[in-house]
PDB file of N, CA and C in Angstrom:
ATOM      1  N   MET A   1       7.309  31.447   2.572  1.00  0.00           N
ATOM      2  CA  MET A   1       6.248  30.734   2.468  1.00  0.00           C
ATOM      3  C   MET A   1       5.643  31.000   2.503  1.00  0.00           C
ATOM      4  N   ALA A   2       4.102  31.199   1.977  1.00  0.00           N
ATOM      5  CA  ALA A   2       3.145  30.638   2.711  1.00  0.00           C
ATOM      6  C   ALA A   2       1.923  28.987   2.820  1.00  0.00           C
ATOM      7  N   ILE A   3       2.278  29.233   3.736  1.00  0.00           N
ATOM      8  CA  ILE A   3       1.782  27.267   3.893  1.00  0.00           C
ATOM      9  C   ILE A   3       0.657  27.388   5.246  1.00  0.00           C
ATOM     10  N   LYS A   4      -0.498  26.224   4.809  1.00  0.00           N
ATOM     11  CA  LYS A   4      -1.928  26.206   5.589  1.00  0.00           C
ATOM     12  C   LYS A   4      -1.374  24.620   5.537  1.00  0.00           C
ATOM     13  N   VAL A   5      -2.173  24.285   6.380  1.00  0.00           N
ATOM     14  CA  VAL A   5      -2.725  23.289   7.261  1.00  0.00           C
ATOM     15  C   VAL A   5      -3.630  21.662   5.504  1.00  0.00           C
ATOM     16  N   GLY A   6      -2.865  20.940   5.554  1.00  0.00           N
ATOM     17  CA  GLY A   6      -3.882  20.113   4.368  1.00  0.00           C
ATOM     18  C   GLY A   6      -2.788  19.966   3.011  1.00  0.00           C
ATOM     19  N   GLN A   7      -2.203  20.984   3.111  1.00  0.00           N
ATOM     20  CA  GLN A   7      -0.330  20.985   2.403  1.00  0.00           C
ATOM     21  C   GLN A   7       0.347  20.215   2.546  1.00  0.00           C
ATOM     22  N   ILE A   8       0.695  19.090   1.753  1.00  0.00           N
ATOM     23  CA  ILE A   8       2.398  18.677   1.394  1.00  0.00           C
ATOM     24  C   ILE A   8       3.503  19.195   0.858  1.00  0.00           C
ATOM     25  N   VAL A   9       4.244  18.975   2.583  1.00  0.00           N
ATOM     26  CA  VAL A   9       5.668  19.596   2.122  1.00  0.00           C
ATOM     27  C   VAL A   9       6.740  18.723   2.789  1.00  0.00           C
ATOM     28  N   ILE A  10       7.567  19.295   1.493  1.00  0.00           N
ATOM     29  CA  ILE A  10       8.870  18.607   1.726  1.00  0.00           C
ATOM     30  C   ILE A  10       9.986  18.726   2.553  1.00  0.00           C
ATOM     31  N   PHE A  11      10.909  17.916   3.823  1.00  0.00           N
ATOM     32  CA  PHE A  11      11.599  17.472   4.718  1.00  0.00           C
ATOM     33  C   PHE A  11      12.501  16.768   5.042  1.00  0.00           C
ATOM     34  N   ARG A  12      13.650  16.885   6.084  1.00  0.00           N
ATOM     35  CA  ARG A  12      14.072  15.468   6.290  1.00  0.00           C
ATOM     36  C   ARG A  12      13.422  14.607   7.592  1.00  0.00           C
ATOM     37  N   PHE A  13      12.775  14.941   7.375  1.00  0.00           N
ATOM     38  CA  PHE A  13      11.172  13.700   8.179  1.00  0.00           C
ATOM     39  C   PHE A  13      12.440  13.456   9.372  1.00  0.00           C
ATOM     40  N   PRO A  14      12.384  14.121  10.996  1.00  0.00           N
ATOM     41  CA  PRO A  14      13.198  12.900  11.415  1.00  0.00           C
ATOM     42  C   PRO A  14      12.870  11.791  11.590  1.00  0.00           C
ATOM     43  N   GLN A  15      13.998  10.870  12.510  1.00  0.00           N
ATOM     44  CA  GLN A  15      13.354   9.209  12.953  1.00  0.00           C
ATOM     45  C   GLN A  15      13.214   9.592  14.424  1.00  0.00           C
ATOM     46  N   THR A  16      12.469   7.873  14.629  1.00  0.00           N
ATOM     47  CA  THR A  16      12.146   7.725  15.857  1.00  0.00           C
ATOM     48  C   THR A  16      13.844   7.389  16.818  1.00  0.00           C
ATOM     49  N   ASP A  17      14.865   6.998  15.700  1.00  0.00           N
ATOM     50  CA  ASP A  17      16.407   7.301  17.110  1.00  0.00           C
ATOM     51  C   ASP A  17      16.726   7.574  16.931  1.00  0.00           C
ATOM     52  N   LEU A  18      16.470   9.417  16.292  1.00  0.00           N
ATOM     53  CA  LEU A  18      16.976  10.838  16.046  1.00  0.00           C
ATOM     54  C   LEU A  18      18.419  10.415  14.983  1.00  0.00           C
ATOM     55  N   ILE A  19      18.314  10.028  13.996  1.00  0.00           N
ATOM     56  CA  ILE A  19      18.831   9.926  13.291  1.00  0.00           C
ATOM     57  C   ILE A  19      18.534  10.860  12.301  1.00  0.00           C
ATOM     58  N   ILE A  20      19.320  12.119  11.430  1.00  0.00           N
ATOM     59  CA  ILE A  20      18.484  12.464  10.495  1.00  0.00           C
ATOM     60  C   ILE A  20      17.479  12.109  10.166  1.00  0.00           C
ATOM     61  N   GLY A  21      16.820  12.016   8.835  1.00  0.00           N
ATOM     62  CA  GLY A  21      16.800  11.739   7.563  1.00  0.00           C
ATOM     63  C   GLY A  21      16.869  12.108   6.856  1.00  0.00           C
ATOM     64  N   LYS A  22      16.548  10.974   5.548  1.00  0.00           N
ATOM     65  CA  LYS A  22      15.888  11.707   3.753  1.00  0.00           C
ATOM     66  C   LYS A  22      14.698  12.300   3.872  1.00  0.00           C
ATOM     67  N   MET A  23      15.040  13.573   2.558  1.00  0.00           N
ATOM     68  CA  MET A  23      13.938  14.049   2.247  1.00  0.00           C
ATOM     69  C   MET A  23      12.945  13.785   1.979  1.00  0.00           C
ATOM     70  N   ARG A  24      12.159  14.021   2.788  1.00  0.00           N
ATOM     71  CA  ARG A  24      10.388  12.748   2.325  1.00  0.00           C
ATOM     72  C   ARG A  24       9.870  14.167   2.603  1.00  0.00           C
ATOM     73  N   PRO A  25       8.238  13.608   1.814  1.00  0.00           N
ATOM     74  CA  PRO A  25       6.694  14.836   2.061  1.00  0.00           C
ATOM     75  C   PRO A  25       6.362  14.274   3.443  1.00  0.00           C
ATOM     76  N   ALA A  26       5.595  15.332   4.106  1.00  0.00           N
ATOM     77  CA  ALA A  26       4.463  15.802   5.041  1.00  0.00           C
ATOM     78  C   ALA A  26       3.712  16.194   4.119  1.00  0.00           C
ATOM     79  N   LEU A  27       2.015  15.689   5.258  1.00  0.00           N
ATOM     80  CA  LEU A  27       1.054  16.286   5.488  1.00  0.00           C
ATOM     81  C   LEU A  27       1.053  17.272   7.286  1.00  0.00           C
ATOM     82  N   LEU A  28       0.619  18.265   5.911  1.00  0.00           N
ATOM     83  CA  LEU A  28       0.565  19.826   7.434  1.00  0.00           C
ATOM     84  C   LEU A  28      -0.652  19.115   8.404  1.00  0.00           C
ATOM     85  N   LEU A  29      -1.003  18.947   9.207  1.00  0.00           N
ATOM     86  CA  LEU A  29      -2.038  18.942   9.834  1.00  0.00           C
ATOM     87  C   LEU A  29      -2.904  19.121  11.300  1.00  0.00           C
ATOM     88  N   ALA A  30      -1.755  20.395  11.446  1.00  0.00           N
ATOM     89  CA  ALA A  30      -1.549  21.434  12.566  1.00  0.00           C
ATOM     90  C   ALA A  30      -1.024  22.518  12.966  1.00  0.00           C
ATOM     91  N   SER A  31      -1.222  23.336  13.241  1.00  0.00           N
ATOM     92  CA  SER A  31      -0.592  24.621  13.010  1.00  0.00           C
ATOM     93  C   SER A  31      -0.718  24.763  14.444  1.00  0.00           C
ATOM     94  N   LEU A  32       0.600  24.814  15.792  1.00  0.00           N
ATOM     95  CA  LEU A  32       0.722  25.048  16.810  1.00  0.00           C
ATOM     96  C   LEU A  32       0.166  25.788  17.532  1.00  0.00           C
ATOM     97  N   PRO A  33      -0.242  26.319  18.489  1.00  0.00           N
ATOM     98  CA  PRO A  33      -0.695  27.121  18.988  1.00  0.00           C
ATOM     99  C   PRO A  33      -0.124  27.443  20.045  1.00  0.00           C
ATOM    100  N   SER A  34       1.087  28.486  18.699  1.00  0.00           N
ATOM    101  CA  SER A  34       1.680  29.036  20.065  1.00  0.00           C
ATOM    102  C   SER A  34       2.832  29.974  18.729  1.00  0.00           C
ATOM    103  N   ASN A  35       3.454  30.766  18.920  1.00  0.00           N
ATOM    104  CA  ASN A  35       4.372  32.137  18.645  1.00  0.00           C
ATOM    105  C   ASN A  35       5.883  31.451  17.675  1.00  0.00           C
ATOM    106  N   GLN A  36       5.808  29.684  18.109  1.00  0.00           N
ATOM    107  CA  GLN A  36       7.225  29.223  17.349  1.00  0.00           C
ATOM    108  C   GLN A  36       6.688  28.643  15.747  1.00  0.00           C
ATOM    109  N   ASN A  37       5.429  29.600  15.065  1.00  0.00           N
ATOM    110  CA  ASN A  37       5.763  28.728  13.442  1.00  0.00           C
ATOM    111  C   ASN A  37       5.979  27.008  13.744  1.00  0.00           C
ATOM    112  N   ASP A  38       5.172  25.956  14.910  1.00  0.00           N
ATOM    113  CA  ASP A  38       5.398  24.996  14.853  1.00  0.00           C
ATOM    114  C   ASP A  38       4.984  24.017  14.258  1.00  0.00           C
ATOM    115  N   TRP A  39       4.762  22.784  13.304  1.00  0.00           N
ATOM    116  CA  TRP A  39       3.502  22.138  12.477  1.00  0.00           C
ATOM    117  C   TRP A  39       2.829  20.528  13.322  1.00  0.00           C
ATOM    118  N   LEU A  40       2.315  20.707  13.737  1.00  0.00           N
ATOM    119  CA  LEU A  40       1.328  18.327  13.467  1.00  0.00           C
ATOM    120  C   LEU A  40       2.027  18.317  12.176  1.00  0.00           C
ATOM    121  N   VAL A  41       2.486  16.924  12.277  1.00  0.00           N
ATOM    122  CA  VAL A  41       3.277  16.653  10.944  1.00  0.00           C
ATOM    123  C   VAL A  41       2.536  15.557  10.518  1.00  0.00           C
ATOM    124  N   CYS A  42       2.758  14.527   9.582  1.00  0.00           N
ATOM    125  CA  CYS A  42       2.749  13.491   9.443  1.00  0.00           C
ATOM    126  C   CYS A  42       3.774  12.993   7.713  1.00  0.00           C
ATOM    127  N   MET A  43       4.087  11.216   8.103  1.00  0.00           N
ATOM    128  CA  MET A  43       4.583  11.295   7.035  1.00  0.00           C
ATOM    129  C   MET A  43       4.228  10.908   5.770  1.00  0.00           C
ATOM    130  N   ILE A  44       4.287  11.136   4.780  1.00  0.00           N
ATOM    131  CA  ILE A  44       4.390  10.257   3.624  1.00  0.00           C
ATOM    132  C   ILE A  44       5.190   9.574   2.495  1.00  0.00           C
ATOM    133  N   SER A  45       4.583   8.015   2.771  1.00  0.00           N
ATOM    134  CA  SER A  45       5.532   7.356   1.908  1.00  0.00           C
ATOM    135  C   SER A  45       4.611   6.777   0.787  1.00  0.00           C
ATOM    136  N   SER A  46       5.829   6.262  -0.044  1.00  0.00           N
ATOM    137  CA  SER A  46       5.244   5.078  -1.685  1.00  0.00           C
ATOM    138  C   SER A  46       5.425   3.634  -0.721  1.00  0.00           C
ATOM    139  N   GLN A  47       5.649   3.861   0.085  1.00  0.00           N
ATOM    140  CA  GLN A  47       4.795   1.861   1.234  1.00  0.00           C
ATOM    141  C   GLN A  47       4.248   1.558   1.543  1.00  0.00           C
ATOM    142  N   VAL A  48       3.265   1.362   0.700  1.00  0.00           N
ATOM    143  CA  VAL A  48       1.363   1.579   0.657  1.00  0.00           C
ATOM    144  C   VAL A  48       1.501   0.246   1.920  1.00  0.00           C
ATOM    145  N   HIS A  49       2.074  -0.651   1.771  1.00  0.00           N
ATOM    146  CA  HIS A  49       2.339  -1.891   2.064  1.00  0.00           C
ATOM    147  C   HIS A  49       2.997  -1.646   3.563  1.00  0.00           C
ATOM    148  N   GLN A  50       2.622  -0.774   3.850  1.00  0.00           N
ATOM    149  CA  GLN A  50       3.522  -0.481   5.550  1.00  0.00           C
ATOM    150  C   GLN A  50       2.174   0.112   6.057  1.00  0.00           C
ATOM    151  N   ALA A  51       1.096   1.209   5.663  1.00  0.00           N
ATOM    152  CA  ALA A  51      -0.506   0.953   6.369  1.00  0.00           C
ATOM    153  C   ALA A  51      -0.760  -0.176   7.789  1.00  0.00           C
ATOM    154  N   ILE A  52      -1.448   0.574   8.343  1.00  0.00           N
ATOM    155  CA  ILE A  52      -2.053   0.527   9.416  1.00  0.00           C
ATOM    156  C   ILE A  52      -3.103   1.063   9.186  1.00  0.00           C
ATOM    157  N   PRO A  53      -4.192  -0.014   9.184  1.00  0.00           N
ATOM    158  CA  PRO A  53      -5.579  -0.680   8.281  1.00  0.00           C
ATOM    159  C   PRO A  53      -6.465   0.842   9.186  1.00  0.00           C
ATOM    160  N   ASN A  54      -7.588   1.562   9.451  1.00  0.00           N
ATOM    161  CA  ASN A  54      -8.479   1.960   9.898  1.00  0.00           C
ATOM    162  C   ASN A  54      -7.526   3.115  10.860  1.00  0.00           C
ATOM    163  N   ILE A  55      -6.309   3.457  10.172  1.00  0.00           N
ATOM    164  CA  ILE A  55      -5.813   4.234  10.948  1.00  0.00           C
ATOM    165  C   ILE A  55      -4.637   5.412   9.725  1.00  0.00           C
ATOM    166  N   ASP A  56      -4.045   5.354   9.219  1.00  0.00           N
ATOM    167  CA  ASP A  56      -3.221   5.645   7.660  1.00  0.00           C
ATOM    168  C   ASP A  56      -4.414   5.524   6.630  1.00  0.00           C
ATOM    169  N   ASN A  57      -3.166   6.029   5.566  1.00  0.00           N
ATOM    170  CA  ASN A  57      -4.717   6.521   4.626  1.00  0.00           C
ATOM    171  C   ASN A  57      -3.927   6.654   3.414  1.00  0.00           C
ATOM    172  N   ILE A  58      -4.172   5.379   2.389  1.00  0.00           N
ATOM    173  CA  ILE A  58      -3.533   5.795   1.656  1.00  0.00           C
ATOM    174  C   ILE A  58      -4.493   6.615   0.319  1.00  0.00           C
ATOM    175  N   ILE A  59      -4.097   6.729  -0.489  1.00  0.00           N
ATOM    176  CA  ILE A  59      -4.556   7.463  -1.716  1.00  0.00           C
ATOM    177  C   ILE A  59      -4.017   7.635  -3.032  1.00  0.00           C
ATOM    178  N   GLU A  60      -4.151   6.630  -3.441  1.00  0.00           N
ATOM    179  CA  GLU A  60      -4.470   6.063  -5.225  1.00  0.00           C
ATOM    180  C   GLU A  60      -4.253   6.451  -6.039  1.00  0.00           C
ATOM    181  N   THR A  61      -3.531   6.555  -7.405  1.00  0.00           N
ATOM    182  CA  THR A  61      -3.289   7.600  -8.320  1.00  0.00           C
ATOM    183  C   THR A  61      -4.621   7.431  -9.224  1.00  0.00           C
ATOM    184  N   THR A  62      -5.341   6.575  -8.318  1.00  0.00           N
ATOM    185  CA  THR A  62      -6.489   7.441  -8.773  1.00  0.00           C
ATOM    186  C   THR A  62      -7.954   7.550  -8.699  1.00  0.00           C
ATOM    187  N   ASP A  63      -7.295   8.158  -7.877  1.00  0.00           N
ATOM    188  CA  ASP A  63      -8.622   9.283  -6.599  1.00  0.00           C
ATOM    189  C   ASP A  63      -8.159  10.338  -6.700  1.00  0.00           C
ATOM    190  N   ALA A  64     -10.019  11.412  -7.219  1.00  0.00           N
ATOM    191  CA  ALA A  64      -9.892  12.254  -7.454  1.00  0.00           C
ATOM    192  C   ALA A  64      -8.925  13.701  -7.445  1.00  0.00           C
ATOM    193  N   ASP A  65      -8.309  13.538  -5.613  1.00  0.00           N
ATOM    194  CA  ASP A  65      -7.723  14.749  -5.433  1.00  0.00           C
ATOM    195  C   ASP A  65      -6.386  13.763  -4.969  1.00  0.00           C
ATOM    196  N   PHE A  66      -5.720  12.568  -6.242  1.00  0.00           N
ATOM    197  CA  PHE A  66      -4.233  13.006  -6.522  1.00  0.00           C
ATOM    198  C   PHE A  66      -3.871  13.724  -7.245  1.00  0.00           C
ATOM    199  N   SER A  67      -4.086  14.094  -8.576  1.00  0.00           N
ATOM    200  CA  SER A  67      -3.339  14.938  -9.199  1.00  0.00           C
ATOM    201  C   SER A  67      -2.251  16.583  -9.114  1.00  0.00           C
ATOM    202  N   GLN A  68      -3.592  17.173  -7.220  1.00  0.00           N
ATOM    203  CA  GLN A  68      -3.325  17.694  -6.769  1.00  0.00           C
ATOM    204  C   GLN A  68      -2.134  17.441  -6.192  1.00  0.00           C
ATOM    205  N   THR A  69      -2.129  16.974  -5.210  1.00  0.00           N
ATOM    206  CA  THR A  69      -0.972  16.594  -4.143  1.00  0.00           C
ATOM    207  C   THR A  69       0.430  16.377  -4.659  1.00  0.00           C
ATOM    208  N   GLY A  70       0.624  16.226  -5.911  1.00  0.00           N
ATOM    209  CA  GLY A  70       2.329  16.576  -5.649  1.00  0.00           C
ATOM    210  C   GLY A  70       3.490  15.113  -5.685  1.00  0.00           C
ATOM    211  N   LEU A  71       2.601  13.775  -5.347  1.00  0.00           N
ATOM    212  CA  LEU A  71       3.455  12.889  -5.195  1.00  0.00           C
ATOM    213  C   LEU A  71       3.212  12.182  -6.555  1.00  0.00           C
ATOM    214  N   LYS A  72       4.242  11.454  -6.563  1.00  0.00           N
ATOM    215  CA  LYS A  72       4.817  10.684  -7.681  1.00  0.00           C
ATOM    216  C   LYS A  72       3.905   9.420  -7.863  1.00  0.00           C
ATOM    217  N   THR A  73       3.533   8.104  -6.971  1.00  0.00           N
ATOM    218  CA  THR A  73       3.165   7.232  -7.214  1.00  0.00           C
ATOM    219  C   THR A  73       1.635   7.444  -5.911  1.00  0.00           C
ATOM    220  N   SER A  74       0.865   6.020  -6.236  1.00  0.00           N
ATOM    221  CA  SER A  74       0.229   5.495  -4.953  1.00  0.00           C
ATOM    222  C   SER A  74       1.173   5.555  -3.390  1.00  0.00           C
ATOM    223  N   SER A  75       0.638   6.032  -1.845  1.00  0.00           N
ATOM    224  CA  SER A  75       0.948   7.112  -0.786  1.00  0.00           C
ATOM    225  C   SER A  75       0.041   6.968   0.451  1.00  0.00           C
ATOM    226  N   VAL A  76       1.256   6.309   1.644  1.00  0.00           N
ATOM    227  CA  VAL A  76       0.134   6.182   1.947  1.00  0.00           C
ATOM    228  C   VAL A  76       0.505   7.278   3.040  1.00  0.00           C
ATOM    229  N   ILE A  77      -0.657   7.483   3.858  1.00  0.00           N
ATOM    230  CA  ILE A  77       0.039   8.690   4.830  1.00  0.00           C
ATOM    231  C   ILE A  77      -0.120   8.897   6.110  1.00  0.00           C
ATOM    232  N   ARG A  78       0.632   8.918   6.739  1.00  0.00           N
ATOM    233  CA  ARG A  78       0.577   8.028   8.073  1.00  0.00           C
ATOM    234  C   ARG A  78       0.260   8.506   9.034  1.00  0.00           C
ATOM    235  N   LEU A  79      -0.292   8.848   9.791  1.00  0.00           N
ATOM    236  CA  LEU A  79      -1.230   9.037  10.664  1.00  0.00           C
ATOM    237  C   LEU A  79       0.210   8.811  11.637  1.00  0.00           C
ATOM    238  N   THR A  80       0.329   7.445  11.308  1.00  0.00           N
ATOM    239  CA  THR A  80       0.863   6.881  13.417  1.00  0.00           C
ATOM    240  C   THR A  80       2.127   6.662  12.757  1.00  0.00           C
ATOM    241  N   ARG A  81       3.001   7.954  12.140  1.00  0.00           N
ATOM    242  CA  ARG A  81       4.412   7.865  11.901  1.00  0.00           C
ATOM    243  C   ARG A  81       4.517  10.242  12.136  1.00  0.00           C
ATOM    244  N   LEU A  82       3.928  10.900  13.413  1.00  0.00           N
ATOM    245  CA  LEU A  82       3.532  12.169  13.623  1.00  0.00           C
ATOM    246  C   LEU A  82       4.597  12.168  14.171  1.00  0.00           C
ATOM    247  N   ALA A  83       5.306  14.199  13.735  1.00  0.00           N
ATOM    248  CA  ALA A  83       5.936  14.439  14.484  1.00  0.00           C
ATOM    249  C   ALA A  83       5.550  16.431  13.911  1.00  0.00           C
ATOM    250  N   VAL A  84       6.237  17.126  15.795  1.00  0.00           N
ATOM    251  CA  VAL A  84       5.384  18.289  15.402  1.00  0.00           C
ATOM    252  C   VAL A  84       7.288  19.139  14.906  1.00  0.00           C
ATOM    253  N   VAL A  85       7.120  19.503  14.384  1.00  0.00           N
ATOM    254  CA  VAL A  85       8.367  20.821  13.891  1.00  0.00           C
ATOM    255  C   VAL A  85       8.452  22.125  13.093  1.00  0.00           C
ATOM    256  N   GLU A  86       9.311  22.415  13.070  1.00  0.00           N
ATOM    257  CA  GLU A  86       9.002  23.584  13.000  1.00  0.00           C
ATOM    258  C   GLU A  86       9.532  24.564  11.452  1.00  0.00           C
ATOM    259  N   GLU A  87       8.319  24.980  11.325  1.00  0.00           N
ATOM    260  CA  GLU A  87       7.668  25.535   9.648  1.00  0.00           C
ATOM    261  C   GLU A  87       9.712  26.143   9.107  1.00  0.00           C
ATOM    262  N   THR A  88      10.258  26.847   9.469  1.00  0.00           N
ATOM    263  CA  THR A  88      11.229  26.952   9.054  1.00  0.00           C
ATOM    264  C   THR A  88      12.704  25.362   8.675  1.00  0.00           C
ATOM    265  N   ILE A  89      12.484  24.383   8.733  1.00  0.00           N
ATOM    266  CA  ILE A  89      13.249  22.735   8.240  1.00  0.00           C
ATOM    267  C   ILE A  89      12.123  22.925   6.709  1.00  0.00           C
ATOM    268  N   PHE A  90      11.102  23.115   6.235  1.00  0.00           N
ATOM    269  CA  PHE A  90      10.561  22.858   4.824  1.00  0.00           C
ATOM    270  C   PHE A  90      11.337  23.299   3.900  1.00  0.00           C
ATOM    271  N   VAL A  91      11.444  22.705   2.920  1.00  0.00           N
ATOM    272  CA  VAL A  91      12.313  23.072   1.859  1.00  0.00           C
ATOM    273  C   VAL A  91      11.549  23.376   0.666  1.00  0.00           C
ATOM    274  N   GLY A  92      10.397  23.097   0.939  1.00  0.00           N
ATOM    275  CA  GLY A  92       9.283  23.266  -0.083  1.00  0.00           C
ATOM    276  C   GLY A  92       7.634  22.945  -0.027  1.00  0.00           C
ATOM    277  N   THR A  93       6.686  23.287  -0.873  1.00  0.00           N
ATOM    278  CA  THR A  93       5.509  22.710  -0.613  1.00  0.00           C
ATOM    279  C   THR A  93       5.384  22.136  -2.426  1.00  0.00           C
ATOM    280  N   ILE A  94       4.701  20.413  -2.262  1.00  0.00           N
ATOM    281  CA  ILE A  94       4.464  20.445  -4.521  1.00  0.00           C
ATOM    282  C   ILE A  94       3.116  19.976  -4.547  1.00  0.00           C
ATOM    283  N   GLY A  95       1.921  19.731  -2.491  1.00  0.00           N
ATOM    284  CA  GLY A  95       0.464  20.542  -3.106  1.00  0.00           C
ATOM    285  C   GLY A  95      -0.328  19.561  -2.312  1.00  0.00           C
ATOM    286  N   GLU A  96      -1.835  19.482  -2.310  1.00  0.00           N
ATOM    287  CA  GLU A  96      -2.596  19.562  -1.280  1.00  0.00           C
ATOM    288  C   GLU A  96      -2.550  17.876  -1.016  1.00  0.00           C
ATOM    289  N   ILE A  97      -3.792  17.382  -0.157  1.00  0.00           N
ATOM    290  CA  ILE A  97      -5.321  17.051  -0.158  1.00  0.00           C
ATOM    291  C   ILE A  97      -6.035  17.974   0.120  1.00  0.00           C
ATOM    292  N   SER A  98      -7.444  17.271  -0.239  1.00  0.00           N
ATOM    293  CA  SER A  98      -8.391  17.714  -0.870  1.00  0.00           C
ATOM    294  C   SER A  98      -9.219  17.468   0.789  1.00  0.00           C
ATOM    295  N   LYS A  99      -9.851  18.552   0.925  1.00  0.00           N
ATOM    296  CA  LYS A  99     -10.727  18.739   2.748  1.00  0.00           C
ATOM    297  C   LYS A  99     -10.908  18.037   3.359  1.00  0.00           C
ATOM    298  N   ASN A 100     -11.740  17.186   1.783  1.00  0.00           N
ATOM    299  CA  ASN A 100     -12.423  16.162   2.341  1.00  0.00           C
ATOM    300  C   ASN A 100     -12.055  14.540   3.605  1.00  0.00           C
ATOM    301  N   ARG A 101     -10.641  14.569   2.173  1.00  0.00           N
ATOM    302  CA  ARG A 101      -9.794  13.827   2.357  1.00  0.00           C
ATOM    303  C   ARG A 101      -8.863  15.006   4.142  1.00  0.00           C
ATOM    304  N   LEU A 102      -9.036  16.102   4.256  1.00  0.00           N
ATOM    305  CA  LEU A 102      -8.312  15.997   5.167  1.00  0.00           C
ATOM    306  C   LEU A 102      -9.218  16.357   6.886  1.00  0.00           C
ATOM    307  N   ALA A 103     -10.503  15.870   6.434  1.00  0.00           N
ATOM    308  CA  ALA A 103     -11.537  15.859   7.230  1.00  0.00           C
ATOM    309  C   ALA A 103     -11.451  14.465   8.262  1.00  0.00           C
ATOM    310  N   ILE A 104     -11.478  13.388   6.872  1.00  0.00           N
ATOM    311  CA  ILE A 104     -11.042  12.244   6.428  1.00  0.00           C
ATOM    312  C   ILE A 104      -9.650  11.642   7.977  1.00  0.00           C
ATOM    313  N   LEU A 105      -9.037  12.142   7.501  1.00  0.00           N
ATOM    314  CA  LEU A 105      -7.752  11.520   7.949  1.00  0.00           C
ATOM    315  C   LEU A 105      -8.288  12.749  10.038  1.00  0.00           C
ATOM    316  N   LYS A 106      -8.299  13.571   9.925  1.00  0.00           N
ATOM    317  CA  LYS A 106      -8.381  14.309  11.172  1.00  0.00           C
ATOM    318  C   LYS A 106      -9.459  13.081  11.953  1.00  0.00           C
ATOM    319  N   LYS A 107     -10.188  12.581  11.213  1.00  0.00           N
ATOM    320  CA  LYS A 107     -10.971  11.612  12.265  1.00  0.00           C
ATOM    321  C   LYS A 107     -10.599  10.724  12.792  1.00  0.00           C
ATOM    322  N   GLN A 108      -9.703  10.122  11.846  1.00  0.00           N
ATOM    323  CA  GLN A 108      -9.467   9.641  12.044  1.00  0.00           C
ATOM    324  C   GLN A 108      -7.909   9.156  12.781  1.00  0.00           C
ATOM    325  N   LEU A 109      -7.545  10.515  12.870  1.00  0.00           N
ATOM    326  CA  LEU A 109      -5.898  10.170  13.724  1.00  0.00           C
ATOM    327  C   LEU A 109      -6.798  10.787  15.158  1.00  0.00           C
ATOM    328  N   SER A 110      -8.105  10.995  15.894  1.00  0.00           N
ATOM    329  CA  SER A 110      -9.199  11.740  16.928  1.00  0.00           C
ATOM    330  C   SER A 110      -9.243   9.930  17.462  1.00  0.00           C
ATOM    331  N   GLY A 111      -9.947  10.188  16.386  1.00  0.00           N
ATOM    332  CA  GLY A 111     -10.275   7.961  17.365  1.00  0.00           C
ATOM    333  C   GLY A 111      -9.461   7.378  16.977  1.00  0.00           C
ATOM    334  N   TRP A 112      -8.382   7.315  16.682  1.00  0.00           N
ATOM    335  CA  TRP A 112      -7.419   6.116  17.079  1.00  0.00           C
ATOM    336  C   TRP A 112      -6.773   6.928  18.354  1.00  0.00           C
ATOM    337  N   ILE A 113      -6.129   8.004  18.585  1.00  0.00           N
ATOM    338  CA  ILE A 113      -5.922   8.473  20.268  1.00  0.00           C
ATOM    339  C   ILE A 113      -6.833   8.077  21.311  1.00  0.00           C
ATOM    340  N   GLU A 114      -8.366   8.343  20.552  1.00  0.00           N
ATOM    341  CA  GLU A 114      -9.648   8.075  21.694  1.00  0.00           C
ATOM    342  C   GLU A 114      -9.393   6.915  22.162  1.00  0.00           C
ATOM    343  N   LYS A 115      -9.501   5.650  21.176  1.00  0.00           N
ATOM    344  CA  LYS A 115      -9.172   4.263  21.411  1.00  0.00           C
ATOM    345  C   LYS A 115      -8.011   4.071  22.532  1.00  0.00           C
ATOM    346  N   SER A 116      -6.944   3.975  22.442  1.00  0.00           N
ATOM    347  CA  SER A 116      -6.204   4.792  23.228  1.00  0.00           C
ATOM    348  C   SER A 116      -5.971   4.144  24.445  1.00  0.00           C
TER     349      SER A 116
END
């Protein structure tokens, strides 16, 4: 499977308590600079009420780039739910976000980390 930054993949997103999670979409944020095929990903959830203002990003069904995501409903891209995972656990890709949204997300993530 050829994957790239900005794509949305499906896999079992790990829980913070290390219990195996359920199948979820996640956004590929960055490929780690190693030969391990590891990726920095963030969870995507349909529970938009869980979005943390000024960090997480809500993508609405009416947004111009929504149709290319493969998502079924308005969702929150949860920059506050990050994980580093090996590419081999991805089940597949369903779509991708726009380059513009990806740039905004990266700025939001770096801004949040800088303020911490």
